[in-house]
All heavy atoms as atom14 arrays in JSON, in Angstrom:
{
  "sequence": "EAGSGITLAQHGNTVFGVWYTYGDDNQPLFVVLSAGAVQGATS",
  "atom14_mask": [
    [1, 1, 1, 1, 1, 1, 1, 1, 1, 0, 0, 0, 0, 0],
    [1, 1, 1, 1, 1, 0, 0, 0, 0, 0, 0, 0, 0, 0],
    [1, 1, 1, 1, 0, 0, 0, 0, 0, 0, 0, 0, 0, 0],
    [1, 1, 1, 1, 1, 1, 0, 0, 0, 0, 0, 0, 0, 0],
    [1, 1, 1, 1, 0, 0, 0, 0, 0, 0, 0, 0, 0, 0],
    [1, 1, 1, 1, 1, 1, 1, 1, 0, 0, 0, 0, 0, 0],
    [1, 1, 1, 1, 1, 1, 1, 0, 0, 0, 0, 0, 0, 0],
    [1, 1, 1, 1, 1, 1, 1, 1, 0, 0, 0, 0, 0, 0],
    [1, 1, 1, 1, 1, 0, 0, 0, 0, 0, 0, 0, 0, 0],
    [1, 1, 1, 1, 1, 1, 1, 1, 1, 0, 0, 0, 0, 0],
    [1, 1, 1, 1, 1, 1, 1, 1, 1, 1, 0, 0, 0, 0],
    [1, 1, 1, 1, 0, 0, 0, 0, 0, 0, 0, 0, 0, 0],
    [1, 1, 1, 1, 1, 1, 1, 1, 0, 0, 0, 0, 0, 0],
    [1, 1, 1, 1, 1, 1, 1, 0, 0, 0, 0, 0, 0, 0],
    [1, 1, 1, 1, 1, 1, 1, 0, 0, 0, 0, 0, 0, 0],
    [1, 1, 1, 1, 1, 1, 1, 1, 1, 1, 1, 0, 0, 0],
    [1, 1, 1, 1, 0, 0, 0, 0, 0, 0, 0, 0, 0, 0],
    [1, 1, 1, 1, 1, 1, 1, 0, 0, 0, 0, 0, 0, 0],
    [1, 1, 1, 1, 1, 1, 1, 1, 1, 1, 1, 1, 1, 1],
    [1, 1, 1, 1, 1, 1, 1, 1, 1, 1, 1, 1, 0, 0],
    [1, 1, 1, 1, 1, 1, 1, 0, 0, 0, 0, 0, 0, 0],
    [1, 1, 1, 1, 1, 1, 1, 1, 1, 1, 1, 1, 0, 0],
    [1, 1, 1, 1, 0, 0, 0, 0, 0, 0, 0, 0, 0, 0],
    [1, 1, 1, 1, 1, 1, 1, 1, 0, 0, 0, 0, 0, 0],
    [1, 1, 1, 1, 1, 1, 1, 1, 0, 0, 0, 0, 0, 0],
    [1, 1, 1, 1, 1, 1, 1, 1, 0, 0, 0, 0, 0, 0],
    [1, 1, 1, 1, 1, 1, 1, 1, 1, 0, 0, 0, 0, 0],
    [1, 1, 1, 1, 1, 1, 1, 0, 0, 0, 0, 0, 0, 0],
    [1, 1, 1, 1, 1, 1, 1, 1, 0, 0, 0, 0, 0, 0],
    [1, 1, 1, 1, 1, 1, 1, 1, 1, 1, 1, 0, 0, 0],
    [1, 1, 1, 1, 1, 1, 1, 0, 0, 0, 0, 0, 0, 0],
    [1, 1, 1, 1, 1, 1, 1, 0, 0, 0, 0, 0, 0, 0],
    [1, 1, 1, 1, 1, 1, 1, 1, 0, 0, 0, 0, 0, 0],
    [1, 1, 1, 1, 1, 1, 0, 0, 0, 0, 0, 0, 0, 0],
    [1, 1, 1, 1, 1, 0, 0, 0, 0, 0, 0, 0, 0, 0],
    [1, 1, 1, 1, 0, 0, 0, 0, 0, 0, 0, 0, 0, 0],
    [1, 1, 1, 1, 1, 0, 0, 0, 0, 0, 0, 0, 0, 0],
    [1, 1, 1, 1, 1, 1, 1, 0, 0, 0, 0, 0, 0, 0],
    [1, 1, 1, 1, 1, 1, 1, 1, 1, 0, 0, 0, 0, 0],
    [1, 1, 1, 1, 0, 0, 0, 0, 0, 0, 0, 0, 0, 0],
    [1, 1, 1, 1, 1, 0, 0, 0, 0, 0, 0, 0, 0, 0],
    [1, 1, 1, 1, 1, 1, 1, 0, 0, 0, 0, 0, 0, 0],
    [1, 1, 1, 1, 1, 1, 0, 0, 0, 0, 0, 0, 0, 0]
  ],
  "atom14_positions": [
    [[0.84, -1.19, 0.0], [0.0, 0.0, 0.0], [0.88, 1.25, 0.0], [0.8, 2.1, 0.88], [-0.95, 0.0, 1.2], [-1.95, -1.14, 1.19], [-3.01, -1.02, 2.27], [-3.02, 0.01, 2.98], [-3.82, -1.95, 2.4], [0.0, 0.0, 0.0], [0.0, 0.0, 0.0], [0.0, 0.0, 0.0], [0.0, 0.0, 0.0], [0.0, 0.0, 0.0]],
    [[1.73, 1.34, -1.03], [2.63, 2.49, -1.12], [1.82, 3.78, -1.21], [0.77, 3.84, -1.83], [3.52, 2.34, -2.34], [0.0, 0.0, 0.0], [0.0, 0.0, 0.0], [0.0, 0.0, 0.0], [0.0, 0.0, 0.0], [0.0, 0.0, 0.0], [0.0, 0.0, 0.0], [0.0, 0.0, 0.0], [0.0, 0.0, 0.0], [0.0, 0.0, 0.0]],
    [[2.35, 4.84, -0.58], [1.67, 6.13, -0.62], [1.22, 6.61, 0.74], [0.85, 7.77, 0.9], [0.0, 0.0, 0.0], [0.0, 0.0, 0.0], [0.0, 0.0, 0.0], [0.0, 0.0, 0.0], [0.0, 0.0, 0.0], [0.0, 0.0, 0.0], [0.0, 0.0, 0.0], [0.0, 0.0, 0.0], [0.0, 0.0, 0.0], [0.0, 0.0, 0.0]],
    [[1.26, 5.73, 1.74], [0.93, 6.12, 3.11], [1.92, 5.44, 4.04], [2.67, 4.55, 3.63], [-0.51, 5.71, 3.46], [-0.66, 4.3, 3.38], [0.0, 0.0, 0.0], [0.0, 0.0, 0.0], [0.0, 0.0, 0.0], [0.0, 0.0, 0.0], [0.0, 0.0, 0.0], [0.0, 0.0, 0.0], [0.0, 0.0, 0.0], [0.0, 0.0, 0.0]],
    [[1.94, 5.87, 5.29], [2.89, 5.28, 6.21], [2.72, 5.79, 7.63], [1.81, 6.59, 7.91], [0.0, 0.0, 0.0], [0.0, 0.0, 0.0], [0.0, 0.0, 0.0], [0.0, 0.0, 0.0], [0.0, 0.0, 0.0], [0.0, 0.0, 0.0], [0.0, 0.0, 0.0], [0.0, 0.0, 0.0], [0.0, 0.0, 0.0], [0.0, 0.0, 0.0]],
    [[3.6, 5.35, 8.49], [3.56, 5.67, 9.91], [4.97, 5.99, 10.36], [5.91, 5.26, 10.05], [3.02, 4.47, 10.72], [1.6, 4.11, 10.28], [3.07, 4.75, 12.21], [1.2, 2.69, 10.65], [0.0, 0.0, 0.0], [0.0, 0.0, 0.0], [0.0, 0.0, 0.0], [0.0, 0.0, 0.0], [0.0, 0.0, 0.0], [0.0, 0.0, 0.0]],
    [[5.13, 7.09, 11.07], [6.42, 7.42, 11.66], [6.31, 7.34, 13.17], [5.38, 7.89, 13.76], [6.89, 8.82, 11.24], [7.0, 8.88, 9.82], [8.24, 9.13, 11.84], [0.0, 0.0, 0.0], [0.0, 0.0, 0.0], [0.0, 0.0, 0.0], [0.0, 0.0, 0.0], [0.0, 0.0, 0.0], [0.0, 0.0, 0.0], [0.0, 0.0, 0.0]],
    [[7.26, 6.65, 13.79], [7.28, 6.5, 15.24], [8.57, 7.09, 15.79], [9.65, 6.89, 15.22], [7.18, 5.03, 15.64], [5.96, 4.25, 15.17], [6.07, 2.79, 15.61], [4.67, 4.86, 15.7], [0.0, 0.0, 0.0], [0.0, 0.0, 0.0], [0.0, 0.0, 0.0], [0.0, 0.0, 0.0], [0.0, 0.0, 0.0], [0.0, 0.0, 0.0]],
    [[8.46, 7.79, 16.9], [9.63, 8.25, 17.66], [9.46, 7.72, 19.08], [8.52, 8.1, 19.77], [9.74, 9.77, 17.66], [0.0, 0.0, 0.0], [0.0, 0.0, 0.0], [0.0, 0.0, 0.0], [0.0, 0.0, 0.0], [0.0, 0.0, 0.0], [0.0, 0.0, 0.0], [0.0, 0.0, 0.0], [0.0, 0.0, 0.0], [0.0, 0.0, 0.0]],
    [[10.34, 6.83, 19.47], [10.25, 6.24, 20.81], [11.26, 6.9, 21.74], [12.44, 6.99, 21.43], [10.51, 4.74, 20.78], [10.4, 4.08, 22.16], [10.58, 2.58, 22.13], [10.66, 1.97, 21.06], [10.65, 1.95, 23.29], [0.0, 0.0, 0.0], [0.0, 0.0, 0.0], [0.0, 0.0, 0.0], [0.0, 0.0, 0.0], [0.0, 0.0, 0.0]],
    [[10.78, 7.38, 22.88], [11.64, 7.94, 23.93], [11.43, 7.11, 25.2], [10.62, 7.45, 26.05], [11.29, 9.4, 24.2], [11.69, 10.36, 23.12], [11.7, 11.72, 23.31], [12.1, 10.15, 21.85], [12.1, 12.32, 22.2], [12.34, 11.38, 21.29], [0.0, 0.0, 0.0], [0.0, 0.0, 0.0], [0.0, 0.0, 0.0], [0.0, 0.0, 0.0]],
    [[12.11, 6.0, 25.29], [11.97, 5.13, 26.46], [10.61, 4.47, 26.52], [10.27, 3.62, 25.68], [0.0, 0.0, 0.0], [0.0, 0.0, 0.0], [0.0, 0.0, 0.0], [0.0, 0.0, 0.0], [0.0, 0.0, 0.0], [0.0, 0.0, 0.0], [0.0, 0.0, 0.0], [0.0, 0.0, 0.0], [0.0, 0.0, 0.0], [0.0, 0.0, 0.0]],
    [[9.78, 4.89, 27.47], [8.49, 4.23, 27.68], [7.34, 4.9, 26.94], [6.18, 4.56, 27.17], [8.17, 4.18, 29.18], [8.09, 5.58, 29.8], [8.18, 6.58, 29.1], [7.94, 5.63, 31.12], [0.0, 0.0, 0.0], [0.0, 0.0, 0.0], [0.0, 0.0, 0.0], [0.0, 0.0, 0.0], [0.0, 0.0, 0.0], [0.0, 0.0, 0.0]],
    [[7.64, 5.85, 26.07], [6.59, 6.59, 25.36], [6.92, 6.69, 23.87], [8.09, 6.84, 23.49], [6.43, 8.01, 25.95], [6.29, 7.92, 27.37], [5.21, 8.7, 25.38], [0.0, 0.0, 0.0], [0.0, 0.0, 0.0], [0.0, 0.0, 0.0], [0.0, 0.0, 0.0], [0.0, 0.0, 0.0], [0.0, 0.0, 0.0], [0.0, 0.0, 0.0]],
    [[5.88, 6.62, 23.05], [6.03, 6.75, 21.6], [5.16, 7.89, 21.1], [3.99, 8.01, 21.47], [5.63, 5.43, 20.89], [5.45, 5.65, 19.39], [6.69, 4.36, 21.12], [0.0, 0.0, 0.0], [0.0, 0.0, 0.0], [0.0, 0.0, 0.0], [0.0, 0.0, 0.0], [0.0, 0.0, 0.0], [0.0, 0.0, 0.0], [0.0, 0.0, 0.0]],
    [[5.75, 8.73, 20.27], [5.0, 9.73, 19.52], [4.9, 9.2, 18.1], [5.91, 8.92, 17.46], [5.72, 11.08, 19.55], [4.91, 12.23, 19.0], [4.46, 13.22, 19.85], [4.6, 12.33, 17.65], [3.72, 14.3, 19.37], [3.86, 13.39, 17.16], [3.42, 14.37, 18.02], [0.0, 0.0, 0.0], [0.0, 0.0, 0.0], [0.0, 0.0, 0.0]],
    [[3.67, 9.05, 17.59], [3.48, 8.52, 16.26], [2.61, 9.41, 15.4], [1.74, 10.13, 15.91], [0.0, 0.0, 0.0], [0.0, 0.0, 0.0], [0.0, 0.0, 0.0], [0.0, 0.0, 0.0], [0.0, 0.0, 0.0], [0.0, 0.0, 0.0], [0.0, 0.0, 0.0], [0.0, 0.0, 0.0], [0.0, 0.0, 0.0], [0.0, 0.0, 0.0]],
    [[2.86, 9.39, 14.1], [2.02, 10.1, 13.14], [1.67, 9.14, 12.01], [2.57, 8.56, 11.38], [2.7, 11.35, 12.57], [1.73, 12.11, 11.67], [3.21, 12.26, 13.68], [0.0, 0.0, 0.0], [0.0, 0.0, 0.0], [0.0, 0.0, 0.0], [0.0, 0.0, 0.0], [0.0, 0.0, 0.0], [0.0, 0.0, 0.0], [0.0, 0.0, 0.0]],
    [[0.39, 8.95, 11.8], [-0.12, 8.11, 10.71], [-0.41, 9.04, 9.53], [-1.26, 9.91, 9.61], [-1.38, 7.4, 11.19], [-2.09, 6.56, 10.17], [-1.61, 6.05, 9.0], [-3.45, 6.1, 10.25], [-2.56, 5.31, 8.35], [-3.7, 5.32, 9.1], [-4.47, 6.28, 11.2], [-4.94, 4.74, 8.87], [-5.7, 5.68, 10.97], [-5.93, 4.91, 9.81]],
    [[0.32, 8.85, 8.43], [0.15, 9.66, 7.24], [-0.74, 8.91, 6.27], [-0.35, 7.89, 5.7], [1.51, 9.96, 6.61], [2.39, 10.82, 7.49], [3.52, 10.29, 8.11], [2.07, 12.15, 7.73], [4.33, 11.07, 8.93], [2.87, 12.94, 8.55], [3.99, 12.4, 9.14], [4.78, 13.19, 9.96], [0.0, 0.0, 0.0], [0.0, 0.0, 0.0]],
    [[-1.95, 9.41, 6.06], [-2.94, 8.72, 5.25], [-3.77, 9.75, 4.47], [-3.28, 10.86, 4.21], [-3.82, 7.81, 6.14], [-4.72, 7.08, 5.33], [-4.56, 8.58, 7.21], [0.0, 0.0, 0.0], [0.0, 0.0, 0.0], [0.0, 0.0, 0.0], [0.0, 0.0, 0.0], [0.0, 0.0, 0.0], [0.0, 0.0, 0.0], [0.0, 0.0, 0.0]],
    [[-5.02, 9.41, 4.11], [-5.86, 10.3, 3.32], [-7.28, 10.3, 3.87], [-7.78, 9.28, 4.34], [-5.86, 9.86, 1.84], [-4.47, 9.71, 1.3], [-3.86, 8.45, 1.26], [-3.74, 10.81, 0.86], [-2.57, 8.3, 0.79], [-2.45, 10.67, 0.39], [-1.86, 9.41, 0.36], [-0.57, 9.25, -0.09], [0.0, 0.0, 0.0], [0.0, 0.0, 0.0]],
    [[-7.93, 11.47, 3.77], [-9.3, 11.6, 4.23], [-10.3, 11.19, 3.17], [-9.94, 10.72, 2.08], [0.0, 0.0, 0.0], [0.0, 0.0, 0.0], [0.0, 0.0, 0.0], [0.0, 0.0, 0.0], [0.0, 0.0, 0.0], [0.0, 0.0, 0.0], [0.0, 0.0, 0.0], [0.0, 0.0, 0.0], [0.0, 0.0, 0.0], [0.0, 0.0, 0.0]],
    [[-11.58, 11.4, 3.46], [-12.63, 11.02, 2.51], [-12.58, 11.84, 1.23], [-13.15, 11.45, 0.21], [-14.0, 11.18, 3.17], [-14.22, 10.16, 4.28], [-13.58, 9.09, 4.23], [-15.01, 10.43, 5.19], [0.0, 0.0, 0.0], [0.0, 0.0, 0.0], [0.0, 0.0, 0.0], [0.0, 0.0, 0.0], [0.0, 0.0, 0.0], [0.0, 0.0, 0.0]],
    [[-11.9, 13.0, 1.27], [-11.75, 13.82, 0.07], [-10.51, 13.44, -0.72], [-10.14, 14.12, -1.68], [-11.7, 15.3, 0.43], [-10.57, 15.62, 1.42], [-9.84, 14.69, 1.83], [-10.42, 16.8, 1.78], [0.0, 0.0, 0.0], [0.0, 0.0, 0.0], [0.0, 0.0, 0.0], [0.0, 0.0, 0.0], [0.0, 0.0, 0.0], [0.0, 0.0, 0.0]],
    [[-9.83, 12.36, -0.29], [-8.61, 11.86, -0.93], [-7.4, 12.78, -0.75], [-6.36, 12.56, -1.37], [-8.81, 11.56, -2.42], [-9.93, 10.59, -2.67], [-10.9, 10.9, -3.37], [-9.85, 9.41, -2.08], [0.0, 0.0, 0.0], [0.0, 0.0, 0.0], [0.0, 0.0, 0.0], [0.0, 0.0, 0.0], [0.0, 0.0, 0.0], [0.0, 0.0, 0.0]],
    [[-7.55, 13.79, 0.11], [-6.44, 14.7, 0.39], [-5.64, 14.19, 1.58], [-6.13, 13.42, 2.4], [-6.98, 16.1, 0.66], [-7.67, 16.74, -0.53], [-6.73, 16.85, -1.72], [-5.64, 17.42, -1.63], [-7.17, 16.3, -2.85], [0.0, 0.0, 0.0], [0.0, 0.0, 0.0], [0.0, 0.0, 0.0], [0.0, 0.0, 0.0], [0.0, 0.0, 0.0]],
    [[-4.37, 14.62, 1.68], [-3.53, 14.16, 2.79], [-4.15, 14.44, 4.16], [-4.7, 15.51, 4.39], [-2.23, 14.95, 2.61], [-2.21, 15.3, 1.15], [-3.64, 15.51, 0.77], [0.0, 0.0, 0.0], [0.0, 0.0, 0.0], [0.0, 0.0, 0.0], [0.0, 0.0, 0.0], [0.0, 0.0, 0.0], [0.0, 0.0, 0.0], [0.0, 0.0, 0.0]],
    [[-4.05, 13.47, 5.03], [-4.56, 13.57, 6.4], [-3.53, 12.96, 7.34], [-2.98, 11.91, 7.04], [-5.89, 12.8, 6.53], [-6.43, 12.57, 7.95], [-6.91, 13.88, 8.56], [-7.55, 11.54, 7.95], [0.0, 0.0, 0.0], [0.0, 0.0, 0.0], [0.0, 0.0, 0.0], [0.0, 0.0, 0.0], [0.0, 0.0, 0.0], [0.0, 0.0, 0.0]],
    [[-3.24, 13.63, 8.44], [-2.38, 13.01, 9.44], [-3.16, 12.81, 10.73], [-3.99, 13.62, 11.12], [-1.09, 13.82, 9.68], [-1.27, 15.19, 10.26], [-1.39, 15.39, 11.63], [-1.29, 16.31, 9.43], [-1.52, 16.66, 12.16], [-1.42, 17.59, 9.95], [-1.54, 17.77, 11.32], [0.0, 0.0, 0.0], [0.0, 0.0, 0.0], [0.0, 0.0, 0.0]],
    [[-2.88, 11.68, 11.38], [-3.51, 11.3, 12.64], [-2.38, 11.12, 13.66], [-1.4, 10.43, 13.39], [-4.32, 10.01, 12.5], [-4.95, 9.62, 13.84], [-5.4, 10.17, 11.43], [0.0, 0.0, 0.0], [0.0, 0.0, 0.0], [0.0, 0.0, 0.0], [0.0, 0.0, 0.0], [0.0, 0.0, 0.0], [0.0, 0.0, 0.0], [0.0, 0.0, 0.0]],
    [[-2.51, 11.76, 14.83], [-1.42, 11.82, 15.79], [-1.65, 10.9, 16.99], [-2.73, 10.89, 17.58], [-1.23, 13.27, 16.29], [-0.18, 13.34, 17.41], [-0.82, 14.18, 15.14], [0.0, 0.0, 0.0], [0.0, 0.0, 0.0], [0.0, 0.0, 0.0], [0.0, 0.0, 0.0], [0.0, 0.0, 0.0], [0.0, 0.0, 0.0], [0.0, 0.0, 0.0]],
    [[-0.62, 10.13, 17.33], [-0.55, 9.39, 18.58], [0.42, 10.19, 19.45], [1.63, 10.13, 19.27], [-0.02, 7.98, 18.35], [0.31, 7.15, 19.6], [-0.96, 6.74, 20.32], [1.14, 5.93, 19.22], [0.0, 0.0, 0.0], [0.0, 0.0, 0.0], [0.0, 0.0, 0.0], [0.0, 0.0, 0.0], [0.0, 0.0, 0.0], [0.0, 0.0, 0.0]],
    [[-0.11, 10.98, 20.38], [0.73, 11.93, 21.1], [1.49, 11.32, 22.26], [2.57, 11.81, 22.62], [-0.13, 13.08, 21.63], [-1.09, 12.61, 22.55], [0.0, 0.0, 0.0], [0.0, 0.0, 0.0], [0.0, 0.0, 0.0], [0.0, 0.0, 0.0], [0.0, 0.0, 0.0], [0.0, 0.0, 0.0], [0.0, 0.0, 0.0], [0.0, 0.0, 0.0]],
    [[0.97, 10.3, 22.88], [1.61, 9.73, 24.07], [1.33, 8.24, 24.13], [0.68, 7.76, 25.05], [1.11, 10.43, 25.33], [0.0, 0.0, 0.0], [0.0, 0.0, 0.0], [0.0, 0.0, 0.0], [0.0, 0.0, 0.0], [0.0, 0.0, 0.0], [0.0, 0.0, 0.0], [0.0, 0.0, 0.0], [0.0, 0.0, 0.0], [0.0, 0.0, 0.0]],
    [[1.84, 7.51, 23.15], [1.64, 6.08, 23.13], [2.43, 5.4, 24.22], [3.63, 5.65, 24.4], [0.0, 0.0, 0.0], [0.0, 0.0, 0.0], [0.0, 0.0, 0.0], [0.0, 0.0, 0.0], [0.0, 0.0, 0.0], [0.0, 0.0, 0.0], [0.0, 0.0, 0.0], [0.0, 0.0, 0.0], [0.0, 0.0, 0.0], [0.0, 0.0, 0.0]],
    [[1.78, 4.53, 24.99], [2.45, 3.81, 26.07], [3.06, 2.52, 25.53], [2.37, 1.71, 24.91], [1.45, 3.49, 27.18], [0.0, 0.0, 0.0], [0.0, 0.0, 0.0], [0.0, 0.0, 0.0], [0.0, 0.0, 0.0], [0.0, 0.0, 0.0], [0.0, 0.0, 0.0], [0.0, 0.0, 0.0], [0.0, 0.0, 0.0], [0.0, 0.0, 0.0]],
    [[4.35, 2.36, 25.74], [5.04, 1.12, 25.34], [4.79, 0.07, 26.4], [5.1, 0.28, 27.57], [6.54, 1.36, 25.16], [7.25, 0.07, 24.78], [6.79, 2.43, 24.11], [0.0, 0.0, 0.0], [0.0, 0.0, 0.0], [0.0, 0.0, 0.0], [0.0, 0.0, 0.0], [0.0, 0.0, 0.0], [0.0, 0.0, 0.0], [0.0, 0.0, 0.0]],
    [[4.19, -1.04, 26.0], [3.84, -2.1, 26.93], [4.67, -3.33, 26.61], [4.52, -3.93, 25.55], [2.34, -2.41, 26.83], [1.48, -1.19, 27.13], [0.04, -1.38, 26.73], [-0.29, -2.22, 25.9], [-0.85, -0.59, 27.31], [0.0, 0.0, 0.0], [0.0, 0.0, 0.0], [0.0, 0.0, 0.0], [0.0, 0.0, 0.0], [0.0, 0.0, 0.0]],
    [[5.58, -3.66, 27.53], [6.49, -4.75, 27.26], [7.43, -4.36, 26.14], [7.84, -3.21, 26.02], [0.0, 0.0, 0.0], [0.0, 0.0, 0.0], [0.0, 0.0, 0.0], [0.0, 0.0, 0.0], [0.0, 0.0, 0.0], [0.0, 0.0, 0.0], [0.0, 0.0, 0.0], [0.0, 0.0, 0.0], [0.0, 0.0, 0.0], [0.0, 0.0, 0.0]],
    [[7.77, -5.3, 25.3], [8.7, -5.01, 24.2], [8.02, -5.05, 22.84], [8.69, -4.88, 21.82], [9.85, -6.01, 24.23], [0.0, 0.0, 0.0], [0.0, 0.0, 0.0], [0.0, 0.0, 0.0], [0.0, 0.0, 0.0], [0.0, 0.0, 0.0], [0.0, 0.0, 0.0], [0.0, 0.0, 0.0], [0.0, 0.0, 0.0], [0.0, 0.0, 0.0]],
    [[6.7, -5.27, 22.81], [6.07, -5.5, 21.51], [4.81, -4.7, 21.24], [4.28, -4.77, 20.14], [5.71, -7.0, 21.34], [4.78, -7.37, 22.35], [6.95, -7.88, 21.43], [0.0, 0.0, 0.0], [0.0, 0.0, 0.0], [0.0, 0.0, 0.0], [0.0, 0.0, 0.0], [0.0, 0.0, 0.0], [0.0, 0.0, 0.0], [0.0, 0.0, 0.0]],
    [[4.29, -3.96, 22.19], [3.0, -3.32, 21.95], [2.99, -1.85, 22.35], [3.75, -1.41, 23.22], [1.87, -4.07, 22.66], [2.04, -3.99, 24.06], [0.0, 0.0, 0.0], [0.0, 0.0, 0.0], [0.0, 0.0, 0.0], [0.0, 0.0, 0.0], [0.0, 0.0, 0.0], [0.0, 0.0, 0.0], [0.0, 0.0, 0.0], [0.0, 0.0, 0.0]]
  ]
}
């Protein structure tokens, strides 16, 4: 699914993520994960 993606920045126990995708108008849309909690080593 080339054309969209996800960028993650991990700072220890917290992740800042941005999902780069498209809205219903087919224009660029970003969705923010501002304070993702890292749980264990995989989630």
